[in-house]
N, C-alpha and C. Protein backbone atom coordinates (compact mmCIF):
# COMPACT_ATOMS: atom_id res chain seq x y z
N MET A 1 -3.49 -34.23 3.54
CA MET A 1 -3.76 -32.53 4.01
C MET A 1 -4.09 -31.43 3.67
N ALA A 2 -4.74 -31.10 4.99
CA ALA A 2 -5.70 -29.93 4.77
C ALA A 2 -4.60 -28.04 4.04
N GLU A 3 -5.35 -28.19 3.00
CA GLU A 3 -5.03 -26.80 2.33
C GLU A 3 -4.90 -25.45 3.20
N ASN A 4 -4.39 -24.82 3.21
CA ASN A 4 -4.14 -23.28 4.54
C ASN A 4 -3.67 -21.86 3.13
N LYS A 5 -5.47 -21.65 2.91
CA LYS A 5 -5.59 -20.54 2.52
C LYS A 5 -5.82 -19.75 3.13
N THR A 6 -4.78 -18.47 3.31
CA THR A 6 -4.43 -16.82 3.81
C THR A 6 -5.56 -16.00 3.27
N ARG A 7 -6.08 -15.48 3.88
CA ARG A 7 -7.34 -14.44 3.40
C ARG A 7 -6.63 -13.08 4.14
N PHE A 8 -6.52 -12.39 2.97
CA PHE A 8 -6.21 -10.69 3.69
C PHE A 8 -7.72 -9.94 3.70
N PHE A 9 -6.82 -8.78 4.20
CA PHE A 9 -8.51 -7.74 4.08
C PHE A 9 -7.66 -7.40 2.87
N THR A 10 -9.30 -6.82 2.14
CA THR A 10 -8.72 -6.06 0.75
C THR A 10 -9.39 -4.79 1.15
N TYR A 11 -8.97 -4.08 -0.10
CA TYR A 11 -10.21 -2.73 -0.45
C TYR A 11 -10.15 -2.70 -1.88
N ARG A 12 -10.58 -2.24 -2.41
CA ARG A 12 -11.43 -2.34 -3.49
C ARG A 12 -10.60 -3.40 -3.82
N GLY A 13 -11.08 -4.77 -3.57
CA GLY A 13 -10.37 -5.81 -4.23
C GLY A 13 -8.96 -6.03 -3.90
N LEU A 14 -8.05 -5.65 -3.74
CA LEU A 14 -6.42 -5.78 -3.24
C LEU A 14 -6.14 -5.72 -1.98
N PRO A 15 -5.43 -6.77 -2.25
CA PRO A 15 -4.93 -7.15 -0.91
C PRO A 15 -4.63 -5.79 -0.06
N LEU A 16 -5.10 -5.60 0.92
CA LEU A 16 -3.83 -4.37 1.94
C LEU A 16 -3.65 -5.46 3.28
N VAL A 17 -2.53 -5.35 2.95
CA VAL A 17 -1.58 -6.10 4.44
C VAL A 17 -0.44 -4.90 4.92
N ARG A 18 0.08 -5.16 6.68
CA ARG A 18 0.85 -3.95 7.00
C ARG A 18 1.02 -4.96 8.18
N CYS A 19 2.07 -4.36 8.24
CA CYS A 19 3.61 -4.58 9.03
C CYS A 19 3.83 -3.72 9.49
N GLY A 20 3.86 -3.41 10.92
CA GLY A 20 3.80 -2.27 11.12
C GLY A 20 3.79 -1.43 11.35
N ASN A 21 4.99 -0.49 10.57
CA ASN A 21 4.37 0.94 10.26
C ASN A 21 3.81 0.77 8.66
N GLU A 22 4.04 -0.16 7.86
CA GLU A 22 4.65 0.06 6.51
C GLU A 22 2.92 -1.18 6.19
N LEU A 23 2.43 -0.04 5.11
CA LEU A 23 1.53 -0.80 4.48
C LEU A 23 1.85 -0.86 3.46
N TYR A 24 1.74 -2.63 2.68
CA TYR A 24 1.27 -3.18 0.97
C TYR A 24 0.50 -3.06 0.54
N TYR A 25 -0.31 -2.55 -0.83
CA TYR A 25 -1.40 -2.74 -1.46
C TYR A 25 -1.31 -2.94 -2.83
N GLY A 26 -2.17 -4.16 -2.98
CA GLY A 26 -1.41 -4.59 -4.37
C GLY A 26 -1.58 -6.61 -4.46
N ASN A 27 -1.62 -7.07 -5.61
CA ASN A 27 -1.06 -8.01 -5.63
C ASN A 27 0.33 -8.55 -6.03
N MET A 28 0.66 -9.11 -4.70
CA MET A 28 1.96 -9.24 -5.41
C MET A 28 2.64 -10.05 -6.50
N TYR A 29 1.65 -10.96 -7.12
CA TYR A 29 1.74 -10.94 -8.62
C TYR A 29 1.74 -10.29 -9.53
N ASP A 30 1.11 -8.92 -9.91
CA ASP A 30 0.85 -8.27 -10.98
C ASP A 30 1.86 -7.32 -10.40
N GLU A 31 2.05 -6.53 -11.74
CA GLU A 31 3.64 -5.64 -12.09
C GLU A 31 3.92 -4.64 -11.17
N TYR A 32 3.20 -4.12 -10.38
CA TYR A 32 3.53 -3.27 -9.02
C TYR A 32 2.17 -3.75 -8.35
N VAL A 33 2.54 -2.26 -6.69
CA VAL A 33 2.41 -2.56 -5.74
C VAL A 33 2.36 -1.63 -5.20
N VAL A 34 1.96 -0.78 -4.46
CA VAL A 34 2.33 0.52 -3.07
C VAL A 34 2.68 0.10 -2.29
N ARG A 35 4.23 0.48 -1.72
CA ARG A 35 4.29 0.44 -0.34
C ARG A 35 3.85 2.06 0.43
N MET A 36 3.37 1.69 1.30
CA MET A 36 3.11 2.70 2.29
C MET A 36 3.58 2.87 3.68
N VAL A 37 4.44 3.92 3.77
CA VAL A 37 5.11 4.21 5.59
C VAL A 37 4.36 4.79 6.43
N ILE A 38 3.89 4.53 7.62
CA ILE A 38 3.29 5.75 7.82
C ILE A 38 4.95 6.18 8.64
N GLU A 39 5.02 8.02 8.46
CA GLU A 39 5.82 8.56 9.02
C GLU A 39 5.71 9.57 10.55
N GLU A 40 4.72 9.20 10.45
CA GLU A 40 3.81 10.59 11.56
C GLU A 40 2.77 9.50 11.96
N THR A 41 2.07 9.84 12.95
CA THR A 41 0.72 9.29 14.24
C THR A 41 0.66 10.88 14.68
N LYS A 42 -0.87 10.61 14.39
CA LYS A 42 -1.46 11.97 15.78
C LYS A 42 -2.24 11.18 16.57
N ASP A 43 -2.17 11.80 18.29
CA ASP A 43 -3.33 10.66 19.05
C ASP A 43 -5.02 11.23 18.85
N PHE A 44 -5.38 10.73 18.61
CA PHE A 44 -7.26 11.27 18.75
C PHE A 44 -8.00 10.57 19.22
N GLY A 45 -8.57 11.13 19.73
CA GLY A 45 -9.38 10.22 20.61
C GLY A 45 -8.70 8.44 21.76
N GLY A 46 -7.79 8.52 21.95
CA GLY A 46 -6.91 7.38 22.98
C GLY A 46 -6.83 6.72 21.46
N MET A 47 -6.88 7.27 19.84
CA MET A 47 -6.59 5.90 19.24
C MET A 47 -5.24 6.87 18.09
N LYS A 48 -3.95 6.06 17.51
CA LYS A 48 -3.19 7.05 16.81
C LYS A 48 -3.59 7.00 15.66
N VAL A 49 -3.80 8.37 14.61
CA VAL A 49 -3.35 8.23 13.49
C VAL A 49 -2.71 9.12 12.55
N ALA A 50 -2.52 8.40 11.66
CA ALA A 50 -1.49 9.13 10.41
C ALA A 50 -1.57 10.20 10.12
N THR A 51 -0.77 10.73 10.55
CA THR A 51 -0.41 12.11 9.75
C THR A 51 0.28 12.94 8.40
N LYS A 52 0.62 11.43 8.22
CA LYS A 52 1.89 11.97 7.25
C LYS A 52 2.05 10.62 7.07
N ILE A 53 2.37 9.67 5.03
CA ILE A 53 2.31 8.92 4.72
C ILE A 53 2.91 9.12 3.90
N LYS A 54 4.24 8.01 3.29
CA LYS A 54 5.23 7.92 2.07
C LYS A 54 4.22 6.79 1.57
N LEU A 55 4.23 7.41 -0.36
CA LEU A 55 4.14 5.84 -0.42
C LEU A 55 4.89 5.87 -1.63
N PHE A 56 5.40 4.38 -2.75
CA PHE A 56 5.71 3.94 -2.94
C PHE A 56 5.73 3.07 -4.29
N LYS A 57 5.04 3.15 -5.54
CA LYS A 57 5.28 2.68 -6.67
C LYS A 57 6.67 1.53 -6.31
N THR A 58 5.73 0.59 -6.68
CA THR A 58 6.89 -0.18 -6.57
C THR A 58 6.55 -1.76 -7.41
N ALA A 59 7.87 -1.78 -8.41
CA ALA A 59 7.64 -2.69 -9.06
C ALA A 59 7.64 -4.08 -8.59
N THR A 60 7.52 -5.71 -9.06
CA THR A 60 7.46 -6.89 -8.30
C THR A 60 8.40 -7.39 -8.63
N ASP A 61 9.32 -7.21 -9.74
CA ASP A 61 10.53 -8.09 -11.07
C ASP A 61 11.64 -7.61 -9.36
N ILE A 62 11.64 -8.25 -9.73
CA ILE A 62 13.31 -8.92 -8.67
C ILE A 62 14.56 -8.78 -9.81
N THR A 63 14.18 -8.73 -11.27
CA THR A 63 15.55 -9.29 -11.47
C THR A 63 15.90 -7.90 -11.73
N LEU A 64 14.72 -6.70 -11.45
CA LEU A 64 15.31 -5.20 -12.35
C LEU A 64 16.67 -4.63 -11.41
N PRO A 65 17.27 -3.64 -11.49
CA PRO A 65 18.22 -3.34 -11.23
C PRO A 65 17.86 -1.93 -9.69
N PHE A 66 18.04 -1.95 -9.17
CA PHE A 66 17.85 -1.29 -7.25
C PHE A 66 17.22 0.13 -7.68
N ASP A 67 17.76 0.61 -8.81
CA ASP A 67 17.13 2.18 -9.01
C ASP A 67 15.94 2.44 -10.09
N LYS A 68 15.49 1.35 -10.58
CA LYS A 68 14.68 1.12 -11.38
C LYS A 68 13.46 0.73 -10.48
N ILE A 69 13.27 -0.20 -9.53
CA ILE A 69 12.57 -0.97 -9.05
C ILE A 69 11.45 -0.14 -8.04
N ILE A 70 11.51 1.70 -7.73
CA ILE A 70 10.29 2.19 -7.39
C ILE A 70 9.97 3.12 -8.73
N VAL A 71 9.29 3.66 -8.98
CA VAL A 71 8.75 3.78 -10.21
C VAL A 71 8.13 5.11 -9.47
N LYS A 72 7.08 5.29 -8.38
CA LYS A 72 6.81 6.78 -7.85
C LYS A 72 6.92 6.94 -6.88
N ASN A 73 6.69 8.06 -6.35
CA ASN A 73 6.73 8.12 -4.93
C ASN A 73 5.64 9.94 -4.50
N ALA A 74 5.34 9.25 -3.24
CA ALA A 74 4.43 10.87 -3.36
C ALA A 74 4.19 10.91 -1.93
N GLU A 75 4.09 11.98 -1.10
CA GLU A 75 3.59 11.85 0.27
C GLU A 75 2.14 12.70 0.72
N LYS A 76 1.28 12.17 1.74
CA LYS A 76 0.12 12.55 1.79
C LYS A 76 -0.24 12.72 3.73
N SER A 77 -1.47 12.90 3.79
CA SER A 77 -1.02 13.75 5.19
C SER A 77 -2.94 12.54 6.07
N SER A 78 -2.77 11.61 5.15
CA SER A 78 -3.70 11.22 5.71
C SER A 78 -4.04 9.15 5.32
N LEU A 79 -4.32 8.46 5.78
CA LEU A 79 -4.94 7.01 4.87
C LEU A 79 -5.49 7.01 3.53
N TYR A 80 -6.43 7.76 4.20
CA TYR A 80 -7.74 7.84 3.02
C TYR A 80 -7.03 8.24 2.07
N GLU A 81 -5.93 9.52 1.54
CA GLU A 81 -5.68 9.86 0.28
C GLU A 81 -4.79 8.88 0.13
N ALA A 82 -4.01 8.78 1.62
CA ALA A 82 -2.59 7.54 0.43
C ALA A 82 -3.25 5.99 0.11
N LEU A 83 -4.39 6.32 0.55
CA LEU A 83 -4.90 4.64 -0.65
C LEU A 83 -6.39 4.73 -1.90
N ASP A 84 -6.26 6.21 -1.64
CA ASP A 84 -6.97 6.91 -2.87
C ASP A 84 -5.51 6.94 -4.13
N MET A 85 -4.55 7.22 -3.68
CA MET A 85 -3.82 7.62 -4.61
C MET A 85 -3.36 6.41 -5.56
N ALA A 86 -2.56 5.28 -4.50
CA ALA A 86 -2.82 4.18 -4.38
C ALA A 86 -3.76 3.70 -5.12
N CYS A 87 -5.50 3.51 -5.50
CA CYS A 87 -5.99 2.97 -6.37
C CYS A 87 -5.46 3.67 -7.88
N ALA A 88 -5.30 4.78 -7.79
CA ALA A 88 -5.08 5.76 -8.73
C ALA A 88 -4.07 5.03 -9.61
N TRP A 89 -2.92 5.19 -9.14
CA TRP A 89 -1.46 4.20 -9.07
C TRP A 89 -1.71 2.78 -9.91
N LEU A 90 -2.78 2.22 -9.28
CA LEU A 90 -2.43 0.38 -9.57
C LEU A 90 -3.63 0.52 -10.86
N GLY A 91 -4.41 1.77 -11.17
CA GLY A 91 -5.53 1.55 -12.53
C GLY A 91 -6.21 0.86 -11.91
N ARG A 92 -6.47 1.22 -10.83
CA ARG A 92 -7.92 -0.09 -10.25
C ARG A 92 -8.93 1.62 -9.64
N TYR A 93 -9.82 2.12 -9.69
CA TYR A 93 -10.12 3.44 -10.15
C TYR A 93 -11.51 3.16 -10.54
N LYS A 94 -12.32 1.91 -9.80
CA LYS A 94 -13.98 1.77 -10.89
C LYS A 94 -14.37 1.94 -9.70
N SER A 95 -16.07 1.93 -9.87
CA SER A 95 -16.66 2.31 -8.45
C SER A 95 -16.85 0.77 -8.32
N ALA A 96 -16.20 1.03 -6.73
CA ALA A 96 -16.26 -0.50 -5.93
C ALA A 96 -17.35 -0.20 -4.60
């Protein structure tokens, strides 16, 4: 039987997965991941560019109470700023 290996796009060594207007950054088997929700976009040269992104540092432990799952939140005005903050939150701010 052939082994099915799914490869994800990575940013600074961690998976970055998009589903609609949501992005998930980090490994689901780690203690935390960052969920990013694109709230607003702007048309720039025929391409949609995110102008408002909400970030949530989220625990991956499903046994936690609902009110303890989100440990940090923030809002940024570009995907670059959002990914920069997500890297810092996950402690992955290495020279990559």
